[in-house]
Amino acid sequence: MRPHVQKGFTLIELLIVVAIIGIIAAIAIPNLLNAIDRGKQKRTMADLRSVGTAVEEYAIDNNVYPVASAMTTLQTFIEPSYIRAAPVVDGWSRTFQVASVTGQYTVCSGGKDGGTCTTDGAGATTGFNDSITFTGGVFAQWPEGTQQ
């Protein structure tokens, strides 16, 4: 008679595998969250550029920028002639901040924390909470490099 050989994993082997998976998850999850926020920043920048381009096109046709203090007001000037559907919210689902008068315009996202855009113009920033500002056809404040 043959001895009965049991097949399967021991408890120690299973614990080692679970520990390895836990270590990999601890390394990967922060990187994943960082990548998601970078994606939201890039989407926000693309949306701000699109709105800015539509405002510039409006100004070319009318010789003045539209007067608006909210994104919903700005939409009435640029939709659908200059942009099919203007984005209203940034990557973090917060409404864009707008300041537009006949001589200039600013469209801004408060960043991850939804802050205000009152003191923008710092150029490149390195934080997800920093606002992103598009004014006069260029970014006055934008994310660059490694973000924290």
N, C-alpha and C. Protein backbone atom coordinates (compact mmCIF):
# COMPACT_ATOMS: atom_id res chain seq x y z
N MET A 1 0.79 -1.17 0.00
CA MET A 1 0.00 0.00 0.00
C MET A 1 0.85 1.26 0.00
N ARG A 2 0.35 2.19 -0.75
CA ARG A 2 1.06 3.47 -0.80
C ARG A 2 0.64 4.36 0.35
N PRO A 3 1.60 5.17 0.81
CA PRO A 3 1.19 6.14 1.84
C PRO A 3 0.35 7.24 1.21
N HIS A 4 -0.59 7.74 1.95
CA HIS A 4 -1.51 8.79 1.46
C HIS A 4 -0.79 10.14 1.49
N VAL A 5 -0.60 10.75 0.30
CA VAL A 5 0.08 12.03 0.20
C VAL A 5 -0.99 13.12 0.08
N GLN A 6 -0.93 14.10 0.97
CA GLN A 6 -1.90 15.18 0.91
C GLN A 6 -1.39 16.29 0.01
N LYS A 7 -2.31 16.87 -0.75
CA LYS A 7 -1.96 17.96 -1.65
C LYS A 7 -2.58 19.25 -1.12
N GLY A 8 -1.88 20.38 -1.38
CA GLY A 8 -2.40 21.68 -0.94
C GLY A 8 -1.29 22.53 -0.37
N PHE A 9 -1.69 23.70 0.12
CA PHE A 9 -0.73 24.65 0.68
C PHE A 9 -0.82 24.64 2.20
N THR A 10 0.32 24.89 2.81
CA THR A 10 0.31 24.98 4.27
C THR A 10 -0.11 26.38 4.68
N LEU A 11 -0.43 26.54 5.92
CA LEU A 11 -0.84 27.85 6.43
C LEU A 11 0.29 28.87 6.29
N ILE A 12 1.50 28.47 6.52
CA ILE A 12 2.66 29.37 6.40
C ILE A 12 2.79 29.86 4.96
N GLU A 13 2.65 28.98 4.01
CA GLU A 13 2.75 29.38 2.60
C GLU A 13 1.66 30.39 2.25
N LEU A 14 0.45 30.17 2.70
CA LEU A 14 -0.64 31.10 2.44
C LEU A 14 -0.39 32.45 3.09
N LEU A 15 0.12 32.47 4.31
CA LEU A 15 0.42 33.72 5.00
C LEU A 15 1.52 34.50 4.28
N ILE A 16 2.50 33.82 3.76
CA ILE A 16 3.58 34.48 3.02
C ILE A 16 3.03 35.12 1.76
N VAL A 17 2.17 34.43 1.03
CA VAL A 17 1.58 34.98 -0.19
C VAL A 17 0.72 36.20 0.14
N VAL A 18 -0.08 36.13 1.18
CA VAL A 18 -0.91 37.27 1.59
C VAL A 18 -0.04 38.46 1.98
N ALA A 19 1.07 38.21 2.68
CA ALA A 19 1.98 39.29 3.08
C ALA A 19 2.61 39.94 1.85
N ILE A 20 3.01 39.14 0.87
CA ILE A 20 3.59 39.69 -0.36
C ILE A 20 2.57 40.54 -1.11
N ILE A 21 1.35 40.07 -1.21
CA ILE A 21 0.30 40.85 -1.88
C ILE A 21 0.05 42.15 -1.13
N GLY A 22 0.07 42.11 0.19
CA GLY A 22 -0.11 43.32 1.00
C GLY A 22 1.00 44.33 0.77
N ILE A 23 2.23 43.86 0.67
CA ILE A 23 3.37 44.76 0.42
C ILE A 23 3.26 45.39 -0.95
N ILE A 24 2.91 44.61 -1.95
CA ILE A 24 2.75 45.15 -3.31
C ILE A 24 1.62 46.18 -3.34
N ALA A 25 0.52 45.91 -2.66
CA ALA A 25 -0.60 46.86 -2.62
C ALA A 25 -0.19 48.15 -1.92
N ALA A 26 0.59 48.04 -0.85
CA ALA A 26 1.02 49.23 -0.12
C ALA A 26 1.92 50.12 -0.97
N ILE A 27 2.64 49.52 -1.89
CA ILE A 27 3.50 50.29 -2.80
C ILE A 27 2.68 50.86 -3.96
N ALA A 28 1.76 50.08 -4.49
CA ALA A 28 1.05 50.46 -5.72
C ALA A 28 -0.07 51.46 -5.49
N ILE A 29 -0.78 51.39 -4.39
CA ILE A 29 -1.95 52.25 -4.19
C ILE A 29 -1.59 53.73 -4.14
N PRO A 30 -0.56 54.17 -3.40
CA PRO A 30 -0.21 55.60 -3.45
C PRO A 30 0.16 56.07 -4.85
N ASN A 31 0.87 55.23 -5.61
CA ASN A 31 1.21 55.59 -6.98
C ASN A 31 -0.03 55.70 -7.85
N LEU A 32 -0.99 54.83 -7.64
CA LEU A 32 -2.23 54.87 -8.39
C LEU A 32 -3.01 56.15 -8.07
N LEU A 33 -3.10 56.50 -6.80
CA LEU A 33 -3.82 57.72 -6.41
C LEU A 33 -3.14 58.96 -6.98
N ASN A 34 -1.82 58.96 -6.99
CA ASN A 34 -1.07 60.07 -7.58
C ASN A 34 -1.35 60.18 -9.07
N ALA A 35 -1.39 59.04 -9.76
CA ALA A 35 -1.65 59.03 -11.20
C ALA A 35 -3.07 59.52 -11.50
N ILE A 36 -4.02 59.18 -10.65
CA ILE A 36 -5.40 59.64 -10.85
C ILE A 36 -5.47 61.16 -10.72
N ASP A 37 -4.80 61.72 -9.71
CA ASP A 37 -4.80 63.18 -9.55
C ASP A 37 -4.07 63.88 -10.70
N ARG A 38 -2.98 63.28 -11.21
CA ARG A 38 -2.29 63.87 -12.37
C ARG A 38 -3.22 63.88 -13.58
N GLY A 39 -3.98 62.81 -13.75
CA GLY A 39 -4.94 62.75 -14.84
C GLY A 39 -6.01 63.83 -14.72
N LYS A 40 -6.47 64.06 -13.50
CA LYS A 40 -7.47 65.11 -13.28
C LYS A 40 -6.90 66.49 -13.58
N GLN A 41 -5.63 66.70 -13.23
CA GLN A 41 -4.98 67.97 -13.55
C GLN A 41 -4.88 68.16 -15.06
N LYS A 42 -4.47 67.13 -15.77
CA LYS A 42 -4.31 67.25 -17.23
C LYS A 42 -5.65 67.49 -17.90
N ARG A 43 -6.69 66.81 -17.43
CA ARG A 43 -8.03 67.03 -17.98
C ARG A 43 -8.48 68.47 -17.73
N THR A 44 -8.23 68.96 -16.51
CA THR A 44 -8.60 70.33 -16.17
C THR A 44 -7.86 71.32 -17.06
N MET A 45 -6.58 71.10 -17.29
CA MET A 45 -5.81 72.00 -18.15
C MET A 45 -6.36 71.99 -19.58
N ALA A 46 -6.71 70.82 -20.09
CA ALA A 46 -7.27 70.73 -21.44
C ALA A 46 -8.61 71.46 -21.52
N ASP A 47 -9.44 71.29 -20.49
CA ASP A 47 -10.74 71.97 -20.48
C ASP A 47 -10.58 73.48 -20.39
N LEU A 48 -9.64 73.95 -19.56
CA LEU A 48 -9.40 75.39 -19.45
C LEU A 48 -8.91 75.96 -20.77
N ARG A 49 -8.04 75.23 -21.45
CA ARG A 49 -7.54 75.69 -22.75
C ARG A 49 -8.67 75.75 -23.76
N SER A 50 -9.58 74.78 -23.74
CA SER A 50 -10.72 74.78 -24.67
C SER A 50 -11.63 75.97 -24.43
N VAL A 51 -11.93 76.24 -23.17
CA VAL A 51 -12.78 77.39 -22.84
C VAL A 51 -12.07 78.68 -23.24
N GLY A 52 -10.79 78.77 -22.95
CA GLY A 52 -10.02 79.96 -23.31
C GLY A 52 -9.98 80.19 -24.81
N THR A 53 -9.82 79.13 -25.58
CA THR A 53 -9.83 79.25 -27.03
C THR A 53 -11.18 79.74 -27.53
N ALA A 54 -12.27 79.23 -26.94
CA ALA A 54 -13.61 79.67 -27.33
C ALA A 54 -13.81 81.15 -27.01
N VAL A 55 -13.31 81.59 -25.87
CA VAL A 55 -13.44 83.00 -25.49
C VAL A 55 -12.62 83.87 -26.45
N GLU A 56 -11.44 83.41 -26.81
CA GLU A 56 -10.61 84.15 -27.77
C GLU A 56 -11.32 84.26 -29.13
N GLU A 57 -11.95 83.18 -29.58
CA GLU A 57 -12.69 83.21 -30.84
C GLU A 57 -13.86 84.19 -30.77
N TYR A 58 -14.55 84.20 -29.63
CA TYR A 58 -15.64 85.16 -29.43
C TYR A 58 -15.09 86.58 -29.55
N ALA A 59 -13.95 86.84 -28.93
CA ALA A 59 -13.36 88.18 -28.94
C ALA A 59 -12.93 88.59 -30.36
N ILE A 60 -12.47 87.65 -31.14
CA ILE A 60 -12.08 87.96 -32.52
C ILE A 60 -13.31 88.41 -33.31
N ASP A 61 -14.42 87.72 -33.12
CA ASP A 61 -15.64 88.05 -33.86
C ASP A 61 -16.31 89.33 -33.37
N ASN A 62 -16.20 89.63 -32.07
CA ASN A 62 -16.95 90.74 -31.48
C ASN A 62 -16.08 91.91 -31.01
N ASN A 63 -14.78 91.80 -31.13
CA ASN A 63 -13.82 92.83 -30.73
C ASN A 63 -13.80 93.13 -29.24
N VAL A 64 -14.48 92.35 -28.42
CA VAL A 64 -14.42 92.45 -26.96
C VAL A 64 -14.59 91.05 -26.38
N TYR A 65 -14.08 90.88 -25.17
CA TYR A 65 -14.32 89.61 -24.47
C TYR A 65 -15.71 89.65 -23.86
N PRO A 66 -16.34 88.49 -23.68
CA PRO A 66 -17.67 88.49 -23.05
C PRO A 66 -17.56 88.90 -21.59
N VAL A 67 -18.57 89.56 -21.07
CA VAL A 67 -18.59 89.96 -19.67
C VAL A 67 -19.33 88.87 -18.89
N ALA A 68 -18.60 88.21 -17.97
CA ALA A 68 -19.18 87.12 -17.20
C ALA A 68 -18.44 86.98 -15.88
N SER A 69 -19.18 86.61 -14.85
CA SER A 69 -18.55 86.36 -13.55
C SER A 69 -18.79 84.93 -13.08
N ALA A 70 -19.48 84.16 -13.91
CA ALA A 70 -19.74 82.75 -13.59
C ALA A 70 -19.67 81.94 -14.87
N MET A 71 -19.36 80.68 -14.71
CA MET A 71 -19.23 79.81 -15.88
C MET A 71 -20.55 79.67 -16.63
N THR A 72 -21.67 79.65 -15.93
CA THR A 72 -22.97 79.53 -16.59
C THR A 72 -23.25 80.74 -17.48
N THR A 73 -22.82 81.93 -17.04
CA THR A 73 -22.99 83.13 -17.86
C THR A 73 -22.08 83.09 -19.08
N LEU A 74 -20.84 82.65 -18.87
CA LEU A 74 -19.89 82.56 -19.98
C LEU A 74 -20.37 81.58 -21.04
N GLN A 75 -21.01 80.51 -20.60
CA GLN A 75 -21.54 79.51 -21.54
C GLN A 75 -22.50 80.14 -22.55
N THR A 76 -23.32 81.06 -22.10
CA THR A 76 -24.31 81.65 -23.01
C THR A 76 -23.66 82.40 -24.16
N PHE A 77 -22.43 82.89 -23.96
CA PHE A 77 -21.73 83.62 -25.01
C PHE A 77 -21.00 82.69 -25.98
N ILE A 78 -20.45 81.58 -25.48
CA ILE A 78 -19.56 80.77 -26.32
C ILE A 78 -20.20 79.50 -26.88
N GLU A 79 -21.33 79.06 -26.30
CA GLU A 79 -22.00 77.86 -26.82
C GLU A 79 -23.08 78.25 -27.80
N PRO A 80 -23.39 77.56 -28.80
CA PRO A 80 -22.65 76.49 -29.45
C PRO A 80 -21.74 77.00 -30.58
N SER A 81 -21.66 78.31 -30.76
CA SER A 81 -20.91 78.85 -31.89
C SER A 81 -19.41 78.61 -31.79
N TYR A 82 -18.83 78.70 -30.59
CA TYR A 82 -17.38 78.63 -30.43
C TYR A 82 -16.90 77.35 -29.78
N ILE A 83 -17.81 76.69 -29.08
CA ILE A 83 -17.52 75.38 -28.48
C ILE A 83 -18.85 74.66 -28.35
N ARG A 84 -18.88 73.40 -28.72
CA ARG A 84 -20.15 72.66 -28.72
C ARG A 84 -20.77 72.64 -27.33
N ALA A 85 -20.02 72.18 -26.36
CA ALA A 85 -20.50 72.15 -24.97
C ALA A 85 -19.32 72.50 -24.08
N ALA A 86 -19.37 73.67 -23.49
CA ALA A 86 -18.26 74.13 -22.66
C ALA A 86 -18.21 73.32 -21.37
N PRO A 87 -17.02 72.85 -21.00
CA PRO A 87 -16.90 72.16 -19.72
C PRO A 87 -17.18 73.15 -18.58
N VAL A 88 -17.91 72.70 -17.59
CA VAL A 88 -18.31 73.58 -16.48
C VAL A 88 -17.52 73.25 -15.22
N VAL A 89 -17.13 72.00 -15.06
CA VAL A 89 -16.43 71.58 -13.85
C VAL A 89 -15.03 71.07 -14.19
N ASP A 90 -14.15 71.12 -13.19
CA ASP A 90 -12.79 70.64 -13.38
C ASP A 90 -12.72 69.14 -13.10
N GLY A 91 -11.54 68.60 -13.05
CA GLY A 91 -11.35 67.16 -12.83
C GLY A 91 -11.84 66.69 -11.47
N TRP A 92 -11.96 67.59 -10.52
CA TRP A 92 -12.43 67.23 -9.18
C TRP A 92 -13.89 67.58 -8.99
N SER A 93 -14.61 67.84 -10.08
CA SER A 93 -16.05 68.13 -10.08
C SER A 93 -16.41 69.43 -9.37
N ARG A 94 -15.52 70.40 -9.44
CA ARG A 94 -15.80 71.73 -8.90
C ARG A 94 -15.96 72.71 -10.06
N THR A 95 -16.89 73.62 -9.93
CA THR A 95 -17.18 74.57 -11.01
C THR A 95 -15.99 75.49 -11.25
N PHE A 96 -15.69 75.72 -12.53
CA PHE A 96 -14.64 76.66 -12.89
C PHE A 96 -14.99 78.05 -12.38
N GLN A 97 -13.97 78.81 -11.99
CA GLN A 97 -14.15 80.19 -11.58
C GLN A 97 -13.83 81.08 -12.78
N VAL A 98 -14.67 82.08 -13.01
CA VAL A 98 -14.54 82.93 -14.19
C VAL A 98 -14.53 84.39 -13.79
N ALA A 99 -13.67 85.17 -14.43
CA ALA A 99 -13.67 86.62 -14.31
C ALA A 99 -13.41 87.16 -15.72
N SER A 100 -14.43 87.69 -16.35
CA SER A 100 -14.28 88.16 -17.72
C SER A 100 -14.92 89.53 -17.88
N VAL A 101 -14.13 90.45 -18.37
CA VAL A 101 -14.62 91.80 -18.68
C VAL A 101 -14.24 92.08 -20.13
N THR A 102 -14.62 93.21 -20.65
CA THR A 102 -14.42 93.47 -22.09
C THR A 102 -12.96 93.45 -22.50
N GLY A 103 -12.02 93.73 -21.60
CA GLY A 103 -10.62 93.80 -21.98
C GLY A 103 -9.78 92.60 -21.63
N GLN A 104 -10.28 91.69 -20.78
CA GLN A 104 -9.50 90.52 -20.40
C GLN A 104 -10.41 89.46 -19.80
N TYR A 105 -9.87 88.25 -19.66
CA TYR A 105 -10.64 87.16 -19.06
C TYR A 105 -9.70 86.23 -18.30
N THR A 106 -10.25 85.53 -17.33
CA THR A 106 -9.53 84.52 -16.57
C THR A 106 -10.50 83.38 -16.29
N VAL A 107 -10.04 82.17 -16.55
CA VAL A 107 -10.80 80.97 -16.22
C VAL A 107 -9.88 80.14 -15.34
N CYS A 108 -10.42 79.65 -14.22
CA CYS A 108 -9.55 79.03 -13.22
C CYS A 108 -10.21 77.83 -12.55
N SER A 109 -9.36 76.89 -12.16
CA SER A 109 -9.77 75.77 -11.31
C SER A 109 -9.05 75.92 -9.98
N GLY A 110 -9.76 75.72 -8.90
CA GLY A 110 -9.16 75.85 -7.58
C GLY A 110 -8.25 74.70 -7.19
N GLY A 111 -8.11 73.69 -8.03
CA GLY A 111 -7.27 72.55 -7.71
C GLY A 111 -8.02 71.51 -6.90
N LYS A 112 -7.27 70.56 -6.38
CA LYS A 112 -7.86 69.44 -5.65
C LYS A 112 -8.66 69.89 -4.44
N ASP A 113 -8.19 70.92 -3.73
CA ASP A 113 -8.89 71.38 -2.54
C ASP A 113 -9.97 72.41 -2.83
N GLY A 114 -10.13 72.80 -4.10
CA GLY A 114 -11.19 73.74 -4.47
C GLY A 114 -10.96 75.15 -3.97
N GLY A 115 -9.71 75.55 -3.82
CA GLY A 115 -9.39 76.88 -3.32
C GLY A 115 -9.78 77.98 -4.29
N THR A 116 -9.50 79.20 -3.88
CA THR A 116 -9.83 80.35 -4.73
C THR A 116 -8.64 80.68 -5.63
N CYS A 117 -8.91 81.50 -6.63
CA CYS A 117 -7.89 81.85 -7.61
C CYS A 117 -7.52 83.32 -7.53
N THR A 118 -7.62 83.91 -6.37
CA THR A 118 -7.45 85.36 -6.26
C THR A 118 -6.00 85.81 -6.40
N THR A 119 -5.04 84.99 -6.04
CA THR A 119 -3.64 85.41 -6.09
C THR A 119 -2.83 84.58 -7.07
N ASP A 120 -3.43 84.20 -8.16
CA ASP A 120 -2.72 83.35 -9.13
C ASP A 120 -1.76 84.17 -9.98
N GLY A 121 -0.85 83.45 -10.60
CA GLY A 121 0.14 84.06 -11.47
C GLY A 121 1.54 83.64 -11.07
N ALA A 122 1.62 82.58 -10.26
CA ALA A 122 2.90 82.13 -9.74
C ALA A 122 3.69 81.28 -10.72
N GLY A 123 3.14 81.00 -11.90
CA GLY A 123 3.85 80.16 -12.86
C GLY A 123 3.67 78.69 -12.52
N ALA A 124 4.75 77.93 -12.63
CA ALA A 124 4.69 76.49 -12.38
C ALA A 124 4.49 76.21 -10.90
N THR A 125 3.65 75.22 -10.60
CA THR A 125 3.39 74.82 -9.22
C THR A 125 3.67 73.33 -9.06
N THR A 126 3.76 72.86 -7.82
CA THR A 126 4.09 71.46 -7.59
C THR A 126 3.10 70.75 -6.67
N GLY A 127 1.95 71.34 -6.44
CA GLY A 127 0.97 70.71 -5.54
C GLY A 127 -0.37 70.50 -6.21
N PHE A 128 -1.03 69.41 -5.88
CA PHE A 128 -2.36 69.14 -6.42
C PHE A 128 -3.37 70.16 -5.93
N ASN A 129 -3.12 70.78 -4.76
CA ASN A 129 -4.05 71.76 -4.21
C ASN A 129 -3.89 73.14 -4.83
N ASP A 130 -2.81 73.35 -5.58
CA ASP A 130 -2.59 74.64 -6.22
C ASP A 130 -3.58 74.82 -7.38
N SER A 131 -4.03 76.04 -7.55
CA SER A 131 -5.00 76.30 -8.61
C SER A 131 -4.32 76.34 -9.97
N ILE A 132 -5.13 76.17 -11.01
CA ILE A 132 -4.67 76.21 -12.39
C ILE A 132 -5.42 77.36 -13.06
N THR A 133 -4.69 78.32 -13.62
CA THR A 133 -5.30 79.53 -14.14
C THR A 133 -4.93 79.76 -15.60
N PHE A 134 -5.94 80.01 -16.42
CA PHE A 134 -5.76 80.33 -17.83
C PHE A 134 -6.29 81.73 -18.08
N THR A 135 -5.43 82.61 -18.56
CA THR A 135 -5.84 84.00 -18.78
C THR A 135 -5.14 84.56 -20.01
N GLY A 136 -5.87 85.29 -20.82
CA GLY A 136 -5.28 85.94 -21.98
C GLY A 136 -4.63 84.99 -22.97
N GLY A 137 -5.11 83.77 -23.07
CA GLY A 137 -4.58 82.82 -24.03
C GLY A 137 -3.39 82.00 -23.55
N VAL A 138 -2.97 82.17 -22.29
CA VAL A 138 -1.85 81.41 -21.73
C VAL A 138 -2.17 81.00 -20.29
N PHE A 139 -1.44 80.00 -19.81
CA PHE A 139 -1.57 79.61 -18.41
C PHE A 139 -0.72 80.54 -17.56
N ALA A 140 -1.35 81.18 -16.58
CA ALA A 140 -0.63 82.03 -15.64
C ALA A 140 -0.11 81.22 -14.47
N GLN A 141 -0.79 80.10 -14.17
CA GLN A 141 -0.38 79.19 -13.12
C GLN A 141 -0.75 77.79 -13.56
N TRP A 142 0.21 76.86 -13.48
CA TRP A 142 -0.01 75.52 -14.01
C TRP A 142 0.84 74.53 -13.24
N PRO A 143 0.44 73.24 -13.25
CA PRO A 143 1.24 72.21 -12.58
C PRO A 143 2.42 71.82 -13.47
N GLU A 144 3.55 71.55 -12.80
CA GLU A 144 4.73 71.12 -13.54
C GLU A 144 5.60 70.26 -12.64
N GLY A 145 6.17 69.24 -13.21
CA GLY A 145 7.05 68.37 -12.44
C GLY A 145 6.27 67.43 -11.53
N THR A 146 6.98 66.88 -10.55
CA THR A 146 6.37 65.96 -9.61
C THR A 146 5.42 66.70 -8.69
N GLN A 147 4.19 66.20 -8.61
CA GLN A 147 3.15 66.83 -7.79
C GLN A 147 3.03 66.10 -6.47
N GLN A 148 2.66 66.85 -5.43
CA GLN A 148 2.49 66.25 -4.10
C GLN A 148 1.13 66.60 -3.55
